[in-house]
Amino acid sequence: MSMEFGWWKKTPEDGKFQVHAVVHGGNIEWIRKQGHHTSWQPYNPTLDDWDQLIYEADKRLVRRLLSPKQLAVIHQLKAAGTDGKS
């Protein structure tokens, strides 16, 4: 089952943009979109983005929209995705 998470982010360099993380089958795809009439582009997440993803997933777990097994997959993806990054 595919899970999609999204939020807005603002940086001094890029301004305000949308970030989406799509988790499906043990894989994750990060994309971003800036502006209404622009297309989605690949995105390299920061540690703050991973923390925001975990936060969003925790909110869904409490409301039973996400299973503990699916949350564990996201934690595994974070551990694999942040190895060696600062």
PDB file of N, CA and C in Angstrom:
ATOM      1  N   MET A   1       0.828  -1.172   0.000  1.00  0.00           N
ATOM      2  CA  MET A   1       0.000   0.000   0.000  1.00  0.00           C
ATOM      3  C   MET A   1       0.880   1.245   0.000  1.00  0.00           C
ATOM      4  N   SER A   2       0.552   2.166  -0.831  1.00  0.00           N
ATOM      5  CA  SER A   2       1.311   3.402  -0.966  1.00  0.00           C
ATOM      6  C   SER A   2       0.868   4.426   0.076  1.00  0.00           C
ATOM      7  N   MET A   3       1.838   5.150   0.634  1.00  0.00           N
ATOM      8  CA  MET A   3       1.556   6.210   1.599  1.00  0.00           C
ATOM      9  C   MET A   3       2.168   7.494   1.064  1.00  0.00           C
ATOM     10  N   GLU A   4       1.405   8.567   1.082  1.00  0.00           N
ATOM     11  CA  GLU A   4       1.895   9.849   0.591  1.00  0.00           C
ATOM     12  C   GLU A   4       1.812  10.879   1.707  1.00  0.00           C
ATOM     13  N   PHE A   5       2.915  11.587   1.912  1.00  0.00           N
ATOM     14  CA  PHE A   5       3.002  12.624   2.934  1.00  0.00           C
ATOM     15  C   PHE A   5       3.421  13.920   2.254  1.00  0.00           C
ATOM     16  N   GLY A   6       2.880  15.024   2.695  1.00  0.00           N
ATOM     17  CA  GLY A   6       3.237  16.293   2.091  1.00  0.00           C
ATOM     18  C   GLY A   6       3.162  17.441   3.072  1.00  0.00           C
ATOM     19  N   TRP A   7       3.997  18.450   2.856  1.00  0.00           N
ATOM     20  CA  TRP A   7       4.018  19.648   3.688  1.00  0.00           C
ATOM     21  C   TRP A   7       4.682  20.772   2.920  1.00  0.00           C
ATOM     22  N   TRP A   8       4.535  21.966   3.444  1.00  0.00           N
ATOM     23  CA  TRP A   8       5.171  23.156   2.871  1.00  0.00           C
ATOM     24  C   TRP A   8       6.468  23.432   3.602  1.00  0.00           C
ATOM     25  N   LYS A   9       7.454  23.936   2.865  1.00  0.00           N
ATOM     26  CA  LYS A   9       8.751  24.266   3.437  1.00  0.00           C
ATOM     27  C   LYS A   9       9.190  25.610   2.869  1.00  0.00           C
ATOM     28  N   LYS A  10       9.914  26.366   3.664  1.00  0.00           N
ATOM     29  CA  LYS A  10      10.401  27.671   3.217  1.00  0.00           C
ATOM     30  C   LYS A  10      11.881  27.786   3.555  1.00  0.00           C
ATOM     31  N   THR A  11      12.696  28.113   2.547  1.00  0.00           N
ATOM     32  CA  THR A  11      14.124  28.324   2.747  1.00  0.00           C
ATOM     33  C   THR A  11      14.497  29.686   2.170  1.00  0.00           C
ATOM     34  N   PRO A  12      15.551  30.305   2.688  1.00  0.00           N
ATOM     35  CA  PRO A  12      15.969  31.602   2.152  1.00  0.00           C
ATOM     36  C   PRO A  12      16.390  31.534   0.675  1.00  0.00           C
ATOM     37  N   GLU A  13      16.990  30.413   0.267  1.00  0.00           N
ATOM     38  CA  GLU A  13      17.474  30.285  -1.104  1.00  0.00           C
ATOM     39  C   GLU A  13      16.341  30.051  -2.101  1.00  0.00           C
ATOM     40  N   ASP A  14      15.412  29.159  -1.763  1.00  0.00           N
ATOM     41  CA  ASP A  14      14.385  28.725  -2.703  1.00  0.00           C
ATOM     42  C   ASP A  14      13.017  29.344  -2.462  1.00  0.00           C
ATOM     43  N   GLY A  15      12.803  29.950  -1.332  1.00  0.00           N
ATOM     44  CA  GLY A  15      11.477  30.470  -1.010  1.00  0.00           C
ATOM     45  C   GLY A  15      10.575  29.351  -0.503  1.00  0.00           C
ATOM     46  N   LYS A  16       9.279  29.487  -0.767  1.00  0.00           N
ATOM     47  CA  LYS A  16       8.299  28.524  -0.290  1.00  0.00           C
ATOM     48  C   LYS A  16       8.013  27.485  -1.368  1.00  0.00           C
ATOM     49  N   PHE A  17       7.967  26.198  -0.960  1.00  0.00           N
ATOM     50  CA  PHE A  17       7.683  25.124  -1.894  1.00  0.00           C
ATOM     51  C   PHE A  17       7.062  23.945  -1.163  1.00  0.00           C
ATOM     52  N   GLN A  18       6.419  23.065  -1.929  1.00  0.00           N
ATOM     53  CA  GLN A  18       5.808  21.864  -1.391  1.00  0.00           C
ATOM     54  C   GLN A  18       6.790  20.707  -1.464  1.00  0.00           C
ATOM     55  N   VAL A  19       6.780  19.871  -0.430  1.00  0.00           N
ATOM     56  CA  VAL A  19       7.586  18.657  -0.406  1.00  0.00           C
ATOM     57  C   VAL A  19       6.629  17.475  -0.253  1.00  0.00           C
ATOM     58  N   HIS A  20       6.807  16.444  -1.071  1.00  0.00           N
ATOM     59  CA  HIS A  20       6.022  15.216  -0.958  1.00  0.00           C
ATOM     60  C   HIS A  20       6.975  14.041  -0.858  1.00  0.00           C
ATOM     61  N   ALA A  21       6.637  13.124   0.031  1.00  0.00           N
ATOM     62  CA  ALA A  21       7.371  11.873   0.154  1.00  0.00           C
ATOM     63  C   ALA A  21       6.368  10.745  -0.079  1.00  0.00           C
ATOM     64  N   VAL A  22       6.645   9.892  -1.047  1.00  0.00           N
ATOM     65  CA  VAL A  22       5.766   8.773  -1.367  1.00  0.00           C
ATOM     66  C   VAL A  22       6.498   7.488  -1.001  1.00  0.00           C
ATOM     67  N   VAL A  23       5.911   6.728  -0.075  1.00  0.00           N
ATOM     68  CA  VAL A  23       6.505   5.471   0.380  1.00  0.00           C
ATOM     69  C   VAL A  23       5.687   4.334  -0.212  1.00  0.00           C
ATOM     70  N   HIS A  24       6.366   3.434  -0.920  1.00  0.00           N
ATOM     71  CA  HIS A  24       5.665   2.314  -1.544  1.00  0.00           C
ATOM     72  C   HIS A  24       6.606   1.120  -1.649  1.00  0.00           C
ATOM     73  N   GLY A  25       6.217   0.015  -1.043  1.00  0.00           N
ATOM     74  CA  GLY A  25       6.973  -1.226  -1.167  1.00  0.00           C
ATOM     75  C   GLY A  25       8.394  -1.151  -0.652  1.00  0.00           C
ATOM     76  N   GLY A  26       8.624  -0.422   0.434  1.00  0.00           N
ATOM     77  CA  GLY A  26       9.965  -0.322   0.984  1.00  0.00           C
ATOM     78  C   GLY A  26      10.860   0.669   0.272  1.00  0.00           C
ATOM     79  N   ASN A  27      10.311   1.447  -0.636  1.00  0.00           N
ATOM     80  CA  ASN A  27      11.052   2.494  -1.343  1.00  0.00           C
ATOM     81  C   ASN A  27      10.413   3.840  -1.035  1.00  0.00           C
ATOM     82  N   ILE A  28      11.198   4.890  -1.182  1.00  0.00           N
ATOM     83  CA  ILE A  28      10.679   6.228  -0.953  1.00  0.00           C
ATOM     84  C   ILE A  28      11.091   7.132  -2.105  1.00  0.00           C
ATOM     85  N   GLU A  29      10.163   7.979  -2.519  1.00  0.00           N
ATOM     86  CA  GLU A  29      10.439   8.952  -3.576  1.00  0.00           C
ATOM     87  C   GLU A  29      10.155  10.337  -3.014  1.00  0.00           C
ATOM     88  N   TRP A  30      11.134  11.213  -3.094  1.00  0.00           N
ATOM     89  CA  TRP A  30      10.999  12.595  -2.635  1.00  0.00           C
ATOM     90  C   TRP A  30      10.851  13.498  -3.846  1.00  0.00           C
ATOM     91  N   ILE A  31       9.810  14.337  -3.845  1.00  0.00           N
ATOM     92  CA  ILE A  31       9.603  15.291  -4.923  1.00  0.00           C
ATOM     93  C   ILE A  31       9.211  16.644  -4.336  1.00  0.00           C
ATOM     94  N   ARG A  32       9.429  17.698  -5.117  1.00  0.00           N
ATOM     95  CA  ARG A  32       9.080  19.043  -4.675  1.00  0.00           C
ATOM     96  C   ARG A  32       8.446  19.817  -5.820  1.00  0.00           C
ATOM     97  N   LYS A  33       7.670  20.822  -5.432  1.00  0.00           N
ATOM     98  CA  LYS A  33       7.003  21.662  -6.422  1.00  0.00           C
ATOM     99  C   LYS A  33       6.977  23.084  -5.885  1.00  0.00           C
ATOM    100  N   GLN A  34       7.404  24.012  -6.715  1.00  0.00           N
ATOM    101  CA  GLN A  34       7.420  25.421  -6.322  1.00  0.00           C
ATOM    102  C   GLN A  34       6.554  26.203  -7.300  1.00  0.00           C
ATOM    103  N   GLY A  35       5.431  26.658  -6.826  1.00  0.00           N
ATOM    104  CA  GLY A  35       4.536  27.415  -7.694  1.00  0.00           C
ATOM    105  C   GLY A  35       3.421  26.560  -8.259  1.00  0.00           C
ATOM    106  N   HIS A  36       2.335  27.223  -8.580  1.00  0.00           N
ATOM    107  CA  HIS A  36       1.133  26.530  -9.030  1.00  0.00           C
ATOM    108  C   HIS A  36       1.297  25.902 -10.418  1.00  0.00           C
ATOM    109  N   HIS A  37       1.996  26.557 -11.296  1.00  0.00           N
ATOM    110  CA  HIS A  37       2.091  26.095 -12.679  1.00  0.00           C
ATOM    111  C   HIS A  37       3.445  25.466 -12.999  1.00  0.00           C
ATOM    112  N   THR A  38       4.059  24.837 -12.020  1.00  0.00           N
ATOM    113  CA  THR A  38       5.333  24.156 -12.253  1.00  0.00           C
ATOM    114  C   THR A  38       5.136  22.660 -12.060  1.00  0.00           C
ATOM    115  N   SER A  39       6.042  21.877 -12.581  1.00  0.00           N
ATOM    116  CA  SER A  39       5.936  20.424 -12.454  1.00  0.00           C
ATOM    117  C   SER A  39       6.723  19.938 -11.234  1.00  0.00           C
ATOM    118  N   TRP A  40       6.427  18.715 -10.828  1.00  0.00           N
ATOM    119  CA  TRP A  40       7.135  18.103  -9.705  1.00  0.00           C
ATOM    120  C   TRP A  40       8.543  17.742 -10.143  1.00  0.00           C
ATOM    121  N   GLN A  41       9.509  17.972  -9.237  1.00  0.00           N
ATOM    122  CA  GLN A  41      10.906  17.682  -9.512  1.00  0.00           C
ATOM    123  C   GLN A  41      11.471  16.802  -8.404  1.00  0.00           C
ATOM    124  N   PRO A  42      12.487  15.985  -8.715  1.00  0.00           N
ATOM    125  CA  PRO A  42      13.128  15.191  -7.658  1.00  0.00           C
ATOM    126  C   PRO A  42      13.710  16.105  -6.579  1.00  0.00           C
ATOM    127  N   TYR A  43      13.753  15.607  -5.364  1.00  0.00           N
ATOM    128  CA  TYR A  43      14.192  16.409  -4.225  1.00  0.00           C
ATOM    129  C   TYR A  43      15.108  15.578  -3.340  1.00  0.00           C
ATOM    130  N   ASN A  44      16.202  16.168  -2.885  1.00  0.00           N
ATOM    131  CA  ASN A  44      17.105  15.517  -1.941  1.00  0.00           C
ATOM    132  C   ASN A  44      16.751  15.990  -0.543  1.00  0.00           C
ATOM    133  N   PRO A  45      16.237  15.090   0.299  1.00  0.00           N
ATOM    134  CA  PRO A  45      15.775  15.499   1.626  1.00  0.00           C
ATOM    135  C   PRO A  45      16.927  15.816   2.575  1.00  0.00           C
ATOM    136  N   THR A  46      16.653  16.732   3.501  1.00  0.00           N
ATOM    137  CA  THR A  46      17.584  17.046   4.576  1.00  0.00           C
ATOM    138  C   THR A  46      17.180  16.246   5.814  1.00  0.00           C
ATOM    139  N   LEU A  47      17.969  16.332   6.859  1.00  0.00           N
ATOM    140  CA  LEU A  47      17.595  15.663   8.112  1.00  0.00           C
ATOM    141  C   LEU A  47      16.296  16.237   8.664  1.00  0.00           C
ATOM    142  N   ASP A  48      16.077  17.540   8.486  1.00  0.00           N
ATOM    143  CA  ASP A  48      14.816  18.148   8.926  1.00  0.00           C
ATOM    144  C   ASP A  48      13.629  17.560   8.160  1.00  0.00           C
ATOM    145  N   ASP A  49      13.820  17.263   6.885  1.00  0.00           N
ATOM    146  CA  ASP A  49      12.746  16.652   6.104  1.00  0.00           C
ATOM    147  C   ASP A  49      12.417  15.254   6.626  1.00  0.00           C
ATOM    148  N   TRP A  50      13.443  14.487   6.955  1.00  0.00           N
ATOM    149  CA  TRP A  50      13.207  13.161   7.524  1.00  0.00           C
ATOM    150  C   TRP A  50      12.471  13.271   8.858  1.00  0.00           C
ATOM    151  N   ASP A  51      12.868  14.249   9.687  1.00  0.00           N
ATOM    152  CA  ASP A  51      12.184  14.453  10.961  1.00  0.00           C
ATOM    153  C   ASP A  51      10.729  14.839  10.755  1.00  0.00           C
ATOM    154  N   GLN A  52      10.461  15.681   9.770  1.00  0.00           N
ATOM    155  CA  GLN A  52       9.083  16.081   9.461  1.00  0.00           C
ATOM    156  C   GLN A  52       8.276  14.882   8.974  1.00  0.00           C
ATOM    157  N   LEU A  53       8.893  14.009   8.174  1.00  0.00           N
ATOM    158  CA  LEU A  53       8.212  12.809   7.706  1.00  0.00           C
ATOM    159  C   LEU A  53       7.826  11.912   8.879  1.00  0.00           C
ATOM    160  N   ILE A  54       8.738  11.718   9.819  1.00  0.00           N
ATOM    161  CA  ILE A  54       8.452  10.903  11.003  1.00  0.00           C
ATOM    162  C   ILE A  54       7.327  11.544  11.816  1.00  0.00           C
ATOM    163  N   TYR A  55       7.357  12.863  11.955  1.00  0.00           N
ATOM    164  CA  TYR A  55       6.313  13.585  12.682  1.00  0.00           C
ATOM    165  C   TYR A  55       4.945  13.376  12.030  1.00  0.00           C
ATOM    166  N   GLU A  56       4.888  13.521  10.715  1.00  0.00           N
ATOM    167  CA  GLU A  56       3.633  13.332   9.991  1.00  0.00           C
ATOM    168  C   GLU A  56       3.139  11.883  10.115  1.00  0.00           C
ATOM    169  N   ALA A  57       4.057  10.924  10.053  1.00  0.00           N
ATOM    170  CA  ALA A  57       3.681   9.514  10.176  1.00  0.00           C
ATOM    171  C   ALA A  57       3.174   9.212  11.579  1.00  0.00           C
ATOM    172  N   ASP A  58       3.801   9.801  12.613  1.00  0.00           N
ATOM    173  CA  ASP A  58       3.345   9.597  13.989  1.00  0.00           C
ATOM    174  C   ASP A  58       1.922  10.113  14.181  1.00  0.00           C
ATOM    175  N   LYS A  59       1.600  11.250  13.557  1.00  0.00           N
ATOM    176  CA  LYS A  59       0.240  11.780  13.659  1.00  0.00           C
ATOM    177  C   LYS A  59      -0.773  10.811  13.050  1.00  0.00           C
ATOM    178  N   ARG A  60      -0.408  10.172  11.960  1.00  0.00           N
ATOM    179  CA  ARG A  60      -1.320   9.221  11.318  1.00  0.00           C
ATOM    180  C   ARG A  60      -1.433   7.930  12.109  1.00  0.00           C
ATOM    181  N   LEU A  61      -0.360   7.540  12.790  1.00  0.00           N
ATOM    182  CA  LEU A  61      -0.382   6.320  13.594  1.00  0.00           C
ATOM    183  C   LEU A  61      -1.394   6.455  14.730  1.00  0.00           C
ATOM    184  N   VAL A  62      -1.421   7.603  15.380  1.00  0.00           N
ATOM    185  CA  VAL A  62      -2.344   7.839  16.488  1.00  0.00           C
ATOM    186  C   VAL A  62      -3.795   7.744  16.014  1.00  0.00           C
ATOM    187  N   ARG A  63      -4.047   8.230  14.801  1.00  0.00           N
ATOM    188  CA  ARG A  63      -5.410   8.207  14.254  1.00  0.00           C
ATOM    189  C   ARG A  63      -5.723   6.891  13.536  1.00  0.00           C
ATOM    190  N   ARG A  64      -4.817   5.930  13.614  1.00  0.00           N
ATOM    191  CA  ARG A  64      -4.955   4.598  13.006  1.00  0.00           C
ATOM    192  C   ARG A  64      -5.077   4.644  11.482  1.00  0.00           C
ATOM    193  N   LEU A  65      -4.450   5.641  10.877  1.00  0.00           N
ATOM    194  CA  LEU A  65      -4.396   5.717   9.421  1.00  0.00           C
ATOM    195  C   LEU A  65      -3.129   5.059   8.888  1.00  0.00           C
ATOM    196  N   LEU A  66      -2.278   4.651   9.814  1.00  0.00           N
ATOM    197  CA  LEU A  66      -0.992   4.053   9.487  1.00  0.00           C
ATOM    198  C   LEU A  66      -0.742   2.943  10.501  1.00  0.00           C
ATOM    199  N   SER A  67      -0.238   1.809  10.058  1.00  0.00           N
ATOM    200  CA  SER A  67       0.020   0.707  10.982  1.00  0.00           C
ATOM    201  C   SER A  67       1.422   0.843  11.588  1.00  0.00           C
ATOM    202  N   PRO A  68       1.647   0.216  12.729  1.00  0.00           N
ATOM    203  CA  PRO A  68       2.994   0.238  13.312  1.00  0.00           C
ATOM    204  C   PRO A  68       4.049  -0.363  12.373  1.00  0.00           C
ATOM    205  N   LYS A  69       3.654  -1.344  11.567  1.00  0.00           N
ATOM    206  CA  LYS A  69       4.580  -1.950  10.612  1.00  0.00           C
ATOM    207  C   LYS A  69       4.991  -0.936   9.543  1.00  0.00           C
ATOM    208  N   GLN A  70       4.039  -0.134   9.060  1.00  0.00           N
ATOM    209  CA  GLN A  70       4.353   0.883   8.061  1.00  0.00           C
ATOM    210  C   GLN A  70       5.261   1.963   8.655  1.00  0.00           C
ATOM    211  N   LEU A  71       5.036   2.322   9.920  1.00  0.00           N
ATOM    212  CA  LEU A  71       5.906   3.296  10.586  1.00  0.00           C
ATOM    213  C   LEU A  71       7.325   2.743  10.728  1.00  0.00           C
ATOM    214  N   ALA A  72       7.431   1.444  11.022  1.00  0.00           N
ATOM    215  CA  ALA A  72       8.751   0.820  11.131  1.00  0.00           C
ATOM    216  C   ALA A  72       9.493   0.873   9.797  1.00  0.00           C
ATOM    217  N   VAL A  73       8.771   0.710   8.685  1.00  0.00           N
ATOM    218  CA  VAL A  73       9.391   0.800   7.355  1.00  0.00           C
ATOM    219  C   VAL A  73       9.949   2.201   7.140  1.00  0.00           C
ATOM    220  N   ILE A  74       9.204   3.221   7.545  1.00  0.00           N
ATOM    221  CA  ILE A  74       9.671   4.604   7.384  1.00  0.00           C
ATOM    222  C   ILE A  74      10.919   4.846   8.224  1.00  0.00           C
ATOM    223  N   HIS A  75      10.951   4.309   9.440  1.00  0.00           N
ATOM    224  CA  HIS A  75      12.147   4.449  10.285  1.00  0.00           C
ATOM    225  C   HIS A  75      13.349   3.750   9.650  1.00  0.00           C
ATOM    226  N   GLN A  76      13.126   2.585   9.030  1.00  0.00           N
ATOM    227  CA  GLN A  76      14.215   1.878   8.343  1.00  0.00           C
ATOM    228  C   GLN A  76      14.721   2.682   7.153  1.00  0.00           C
ATOM    229  N   LEU A  77      13.790   3.287   6.404  1.00  0.00           N
ATOM    230  CA  LEU A  77      14.190   4.100   5.264  1.00  0.00           C
ATOM    231  C   LEU A  77      14.976   5.323   5.716  1.00  0.00           C
ATOM    232  N   LYS A  78      14.585   5.899   6.865  1.00  0.00           N
ATOM    233  CA  LYS A  78      15.330   7.055   7.391  1.00  0.00           C
ATOM    234  C   LYS A  78      16.743   6.630   7.757  1.00  0.00           C
ATOM    235  N   ALA A  79      16.874   5.501   8.430  1.00  0.00           N
ATOM    236  CA  ALA A  79      18.197   5.022   8.833  1.00  0.00           C
ATOM    237  C   ALA A  79      19.068   4.755   7.606  1.00  0.00           C
ATOM    238  N   ALA A  80      18.489   4.178   6.565  1.00  0.00           N
ATOM    239  CA  ALA A  80      19.257   3.899   5.346  1.00  0.00           C
ATOM    240  C   ALA A  80      19.533   5.175   4.560  1.00  0.00           C
ATOM    241  N   GLY A  81      18.608   6.111   4.585  1.00  0.00           N
ATOM    242  CA  GLY A  81      18.752   7.330   3.800  1.00  0.00           C
ATOM    243  C   GLY A  81      19.649   8.373   4.424  1.00  0.00           C
ATOM    244  N   THR A  82      19.879   8.286   5.728  1.00  0.00           N
ATOM    245  CA  THR A  82      20.701   9.289   6.402  1.00  0.00           C
ATOM    246  C   THR A  82      22.071   8.753   6.795  1.00  0.00           C
ATOM    247  N   ASP A  83      22.397   7.526   6.421  1.00  0.00           N
ATOM    248  CA  ASP A  83      23.724   6.986   6.727  1.00  0.00           C
ATOM    249  C   ASP A  83      24.804   7.799   6.047  1.00  0.00           C
ATOM    250  N   GLY A  84      25.707   8.343   6.852  1.00  0.00           N
ATOM    251  CA  GLY A  84      26.830   9.093   6.309  1.00  0.00           C
ATOM    252  C   GLY A  84      26.512  10.519   5.922  1.00  0.00           C
ATOM    253  N   LYS A  85      25.272  10.963   6.138  1.00  0.00           N
ATOM    254  CA  LYS A  85      24.909  12.350   5.814  1.00  0.00           C
ATOM    255  C   LYS A  85      24.891  13.175   7.074  1.00  0.00           C
ATOM    256  N   SER A  86      25.148  14.461   6.933  1.00  0.00           N
ATOM    257  CA  SER A  86      25.122  15.317   8.110  1.00  0.00           C
ATOM    258  C   SER A  86      23.974  16.288   8.027  1.00  0.00           C
TER     259      SER A  86
END
